N, C-alpha and C. Protein backbone atom coordinates (compact mmCIF):
# COMPACT_ATOMS: atom_id res chain seq x y z
N MET A 1 -10.10 -5.88 -4.09
CA MET A 1 -11.29 -5.91 -4.30
C MET A 1 -11.95 -7.16 -4.14
N ASP A 2 -11.25 -8.39 -4.49
CA ASP A 2 -11.65 -9.52 -4.60
C ASP A 2 -12.63 -9.88 -3.37
N ASN A 3 -12.35 -9.21 -2.22
CA ASN A 3 -13.04 -9.67 -1.19
C ASN A 3 -14.16 -8.53 -0.74
N GLY A 4 -14.32 -7.43 -1.79
CA GLY A 4 -15.29 -6.46 -1.20
C GLY A 4 -14.59 -5.30 -0.27
N TYR A 5 -13.33 -5.19 0.00
CA TYR A 5 -12.60 -4.18 0.62
C TYR A 5 -11.37 -4.08 0.36
N TYR A 6 -10.88 -2.92 0.33
CA TYR A 6 -9.50 -2.74 0.20
C TYR A 6 -8.73 -3.55 1.13
N PRO A 7 -7.06 -3.60 0.80
CA PRO A 7 -6.24 -4.43 1.78
C PRO A 7 -6.23 -3.79 2.89
N LYS A 8 -5.99 -4.16 3.94
CA LYS A 8 -5.53 -3.60 5.38
C LYS A 8 -4.30 -3.05 5.45
N SER A 9 -3.61 -3.68 4.74
CA SER A 9 -2.08 -3.83 4.83
C SER A 9 -1.43 -3.92 3.36
N LEU A 10 -0.29 -3.54 2.96
CA LEU A 10 0.47 -3.95 1.77
C LEU A 10 0.53 -5.66 1.97
N ARG A 11 0.87 -6.16 3.05
CA ARG A 11 1.11 -7.36 3.14
C ARG A 11 0.11 -8.35 2.62
N ASP A 12 -1.13 -8.06 2.84
CA ASP A 12 -2.40 -8.57 2.35
C ASP A 12 -2.62 -8.48 0.86
N LEU A 13 -1.52 -8.15 0.21
CA LEU A 13 -1.17 -8.35 -1.68
C LEU A 13 -0.10 -9.53 -1.72
N VAL A 14 0.41 -10.06 -0.71
CA VAL A 14 1.37 -11.50 -0.72
C VAL A 14 0.89 -12.37 0.08
N GLN A 15 0.31 -11.94 1.21
CA GLN A 15 0.00 -13.21 2.33
C GLN A 15 -1.56 -13.16 2.67
N GLN A 16 -2.19 -14.49 2.19
CA GLN A 16 -3.68 -14.07 2.45
C GLN A 16 -4.13 -13.73 3.79
N PRO A 17 -4.99 -12.77 3.90
CA PRO A 17 -5.37 -12.42 5.22
C PRO A 17 -6.57 -13.39 5.78
N ALA A 18 -6.48 -13.72 7.03
CA ALA A 18 -7.41 -14.31 7.75
C ALA A 18 -9.04 -14.24 7.50
N ASP A 19 -9.24 -13.10 7.29
CA ASP A 19 -10.72 -12.93 6.65
C ASP A 19 -10.88 -12.81 5.32
N ALA A 20 -10.23 -13.12 4.34
CA ALA A 20 -10.15 -13.20 3.18
C ALA A 20 -10.53 -14.40 2.80
N LYS A 21 -12.04 -14.57 2.11
CA LYS A 21 -12.58 -15.50 1.43
C LYS A 21 -12.14 -15.79 0.02
N ASN A 22 -12.20 -15.00 -0.71
CA ASN A 22 -11.80 -15.04 -2.48
C ASN A 22 -10.38 -14.51 -2.45
N TRP A 23 -9.52 -14.94 -1.87
CA TRP A 23 -8.01 -14.34 -2.23
C TRP A 23 -7.36 -15.20 -3.41
N PRO A 24 -7.15 -14.77 -4.35
CA PRO A 24 -6.70 -15.45 -5.58
C PRO A 24 -5.21 -16.23 -5.38
N GLY A 25 -4.75 -15.65 -4.37
CA GLY A 25 -2.92 -16.04 -4.20
C GLY A 25 -2.45 -14.76 -4.63
N SER A 26 -1.27 -14.96 -4.34
CA SER A 26 -0.21 -13.53 -4.23
C SER A 26 -0.55 -12.48 -5.59
N TYR A 27 -0.83 -10.98 -5.22
CA TYR A 27 -0.97 -10.25 -6.46
C TYR A 27 0.24 -9.99 -6.94
N LEU A 28 1.46 -10.13 -6.17
CA LEU A 28 2.70 -9.83 -6.81
C LEU A 28 3.23 -10.99 -7.19
N ASN A 29 4.49 -10.76 -7.81
CA ASN A 29 5.38 -12.17 -8.49
C ASN A 29 6.30 -12.23 -7.31
N SER A 30 6.21 -12.08 -6.13
CA SER A 30 7.22 -12.14 -5.17
C SER A 30 6.22 -12.11 -3.86
N THR A 31 7.03 -12.63 -2.87
CA THR A 31 6.53 -12.80 -1.44
C THR A 31 7.03 -11.56 -0.53
N LYS A 32 7.92 -10.44 -1.45
CA LYS A 32 8.50 -9.55 -0.83
C LYS A 32 7.85 -8.37 -1.45
N LEU A 33 7.64 -7.49 -0.59
CA LEU A 33 6.92 -6.00 -1.06
C LEU A 33 8.23 -5.15 -1.84
N PRO A 34 7.35 -4.35 -2.77
CA PRO A 34 8.31 -3.80 -3.58
C PRO A 34 8.83 -2.42 -2.37
N VAL A 35 10.06 -1.76 -2.96
CA VAL A 35 10.31 -0.73 -2.37
C VAL A 35 10.32 0.34 -3.48
N ASP A 36 10.43 1.60 -3.14
CA ASP A 36 10.17 3.02 -3.72
C ASP A 36 11.76 3.16 -4.61
N PRO A 37 11.80 3.81 -5.33
CA PRO A 37 13.25 3.99 -6.31
C PRO A 37 14.50 4.27 -5.75
N TRP A 38 14.13 4.76 -4.27
CA TRP A 38 15.22 5.02 -3.29
C TRP A 38 15.44 4.07 -2.23
N GLY A 39 14.91 2.82 -2.49
CA GLY A 39 14.77 1.75 -1.40
C GLY A 39 14.04 1.63 -0.06
N HIS A 40 13.34 2.83 -0.07
CA HIS A 40 12.40 2.95 1.14
C HIS A 40 10.99 2.21 1.14
N LYS A 41 10.51 1.88 1.75
CA LYS A 41 9.07 0.90 2.11
C LYS A 41 7.95 2.09 1.47
N TYR A 42 7.02 1.62 0.56
CA TYR A 42 5.91 2.46 0.44
C TYR A 42 5.47 2.47 1.65
N ILE A 43 4.22 3.64 1.94
CA ILE A 43 3.36 3.76 2.93
C ILE A 43 1.96 3.73 2.45
N TYR A 44 1.04 2.86 3.23
CA TYR A 44 0.05 2.72 2.72
C TYR A 44 -1.21 2.81 4.29
N GLU A 45 -1.89 3.31 3.77
CA GLU A 45 -2.92 3.58 4.75
C GLU A 45 -4.76 3.73 4.45
N TYR A 46 -4.97 2.64 5.10
CA TYR A 46 -6.63 2.30 4.93
C TYR A 46 -7.38 2.13 6.30
N PRO A 47 -8.49 3.01 6.24
CA PRO A 47 -8.85 4.02 5.38
C PRO A 47 -7.82 4.94 5.39
N GLY A 48 -7.70 5.93 4.14
CA GLY A 48 -6.85 6.95 3.89
C GLY A 48 -7.39 8.35 4.61
N LYS A 49 -6.13 8.83 5.08
CA LYS A 49 -6.42 10.07 5.60
C LYS A 49 -6.84 11.41 4.48
N HIS A 50 -6.27 10.93 3.42
CA HIS A 50 -6.59 11.92 2.38
C HIS A 50 -7.79 11.55 1.39
N ASN A 51 -7.40 10.14 1.32
CA ASN A 51 -8.79 9.72 0.18
C ASN A 51 -9.77 9.00 1.37
N THR A 52 -10.75 9.73 2.05
CA THR A 52 -11.21 8.96 3.02
C THR A 52 -11.98 7.86 2.59
N ASN A 53 -12.40 7.58 1.41
CA ASN A 53 -13.43 6.79 1.02
C ASN A 53 -12.32 5.54 0.18
N GLY A 54 -11.18 5.61 0.58
CA GLY A 54 -10.32 4.78 -0.28
C GLY A 54 -9.04 4.20 0.55
N TYR A 55 -7.97 4.54 0.10
CA TYR A 55 -6.64 4.30 0.46
C TYR A 55 -5.81 5.52 0.09
N ASP A 56 -4.50 5.65 1.19
CA ASP A 56 -3.51 6.56 0.60
C ASP A 56 -2.41 5.79 0.34
N LEU A 57 -1.52 6.07 -0.80
CA LEU A 57 -0.55 5.27 -1.11
C LEU A 57 0.53 6.28 -1.37
N PHE A 58 1.88 6.06 -0.86
CA PHE A 58 2.61 7.08 -1.03
C PHE A 58 4.16 6.68 -0.82
N SER A 59 4.92 7.68 -1.62
CA SER A 59 6.51 7.22 -1.47
C SER A 59 7.00 8.57 -0.57
N ALA A 60 7.98 8.31 0.57
CA ALA A 60 8.17 9.59 1.03
C ALA A 60 9.35 10.31 0.54
N GLY A 61 9.70 9.45 -0.89
CA GLY A 61 10.64 10.38 -1.85
C GLY A 61 12.24 10.33 -1.41
N PRO A 62 13.18 10.86 -2.04
CA PRO A 62 14.34 10.78 -1.88
C PRO A 62 15.11 11.09 -0.42
N ASP A 63 14.26 12.02 0.11
CA ASP A 63 14.77 11.87 1.88
C ASP A 63 14.16 10.90 2.57
N GLY A 64 13.19 10.03 2.42
CA GLY A 64 12.79 9.16 3.16
C GLY A 64 11.98 9.59 4.42
N LYS A 65 11.95 10.65 4.29
CA LYS A 65 10.84 11.14 5.12
C LYS A 65 9.37 11.78 4.94
N PRO A 66 8.40 10.83 5.29
CA PRO A 66 6.98 11.24 5.18
C PRO A 66 6.76 12.68 5.53
N GLY A 67 5.84 13.24 4.36
CA GLY A 67 5.45 14.78 5.03
C GLY A 67 6.29 15.77 4.46
N THR A 68 7.14 15.70 3.93
CA THR A 68 8.00 16.47 3.35
C THR A 68 7.68 17.12 1.90
N GLY A 69 8.34 17.94 1.12
CA GLY A 69 7.72 18.30 0.00
C GLY A 69 7.95 17.43 -1.27
N ASP A 70 9.26 16.38 -1.10
CA ASP A 70 9.33 15.38 -2.15
C ASP A 70 8.28 14.20 -2.23
N ASP A 71 7.79 13.84 -1.08
CA ASP A 71 6.52 12.96 -1.44
C ASP A 71 5.96 12.50 -2.65
N ILE A 72 5.65 11.45 -3.02
CA ILE A 72 4.86 11.12 -4.32
C ILE A 72 3.59 10.53 -3.70
N VAL A 73 2.70 11.24 -3.94
CA VAL A 73 1.33 10.60 -3.28
C VAL A 73 0.18 10.30 -4.22
N ASN A 74 -0.72 9.62 -3.80
CA ASN A 74 -1.87 9.12 -4.72
C ASN A 74 -3.28 10.19 -4.57
N TRP A 75 -2.89 11.41 -3.98
CA TRP A 75 -3.97 12.35 -3.71
C TRP A 75 -3.41 13.62 -4.07
N GLU A 76 -4.28 14.65 -4.45
CA GLU A 76 -4.00 16.02 -4.78
C GLU A 76 -3.64 16.76 -3.78
């Protein structure tokens, strides 16, 4: 939100976006994005399909398949 909008991708947390004027540097202590406890990449969508005024962030869970019952999501 330093630039007035949500990141377009998770990569924007570790690498400055071209249009970011107030980027303070990496928001993480690494240049690598974290993975979920099962070793899968987190899934980020902006704008969100479920959070239409924000973003969706989720883990595909143990099976690694998005859209199944074991997903861990930031929406109800």
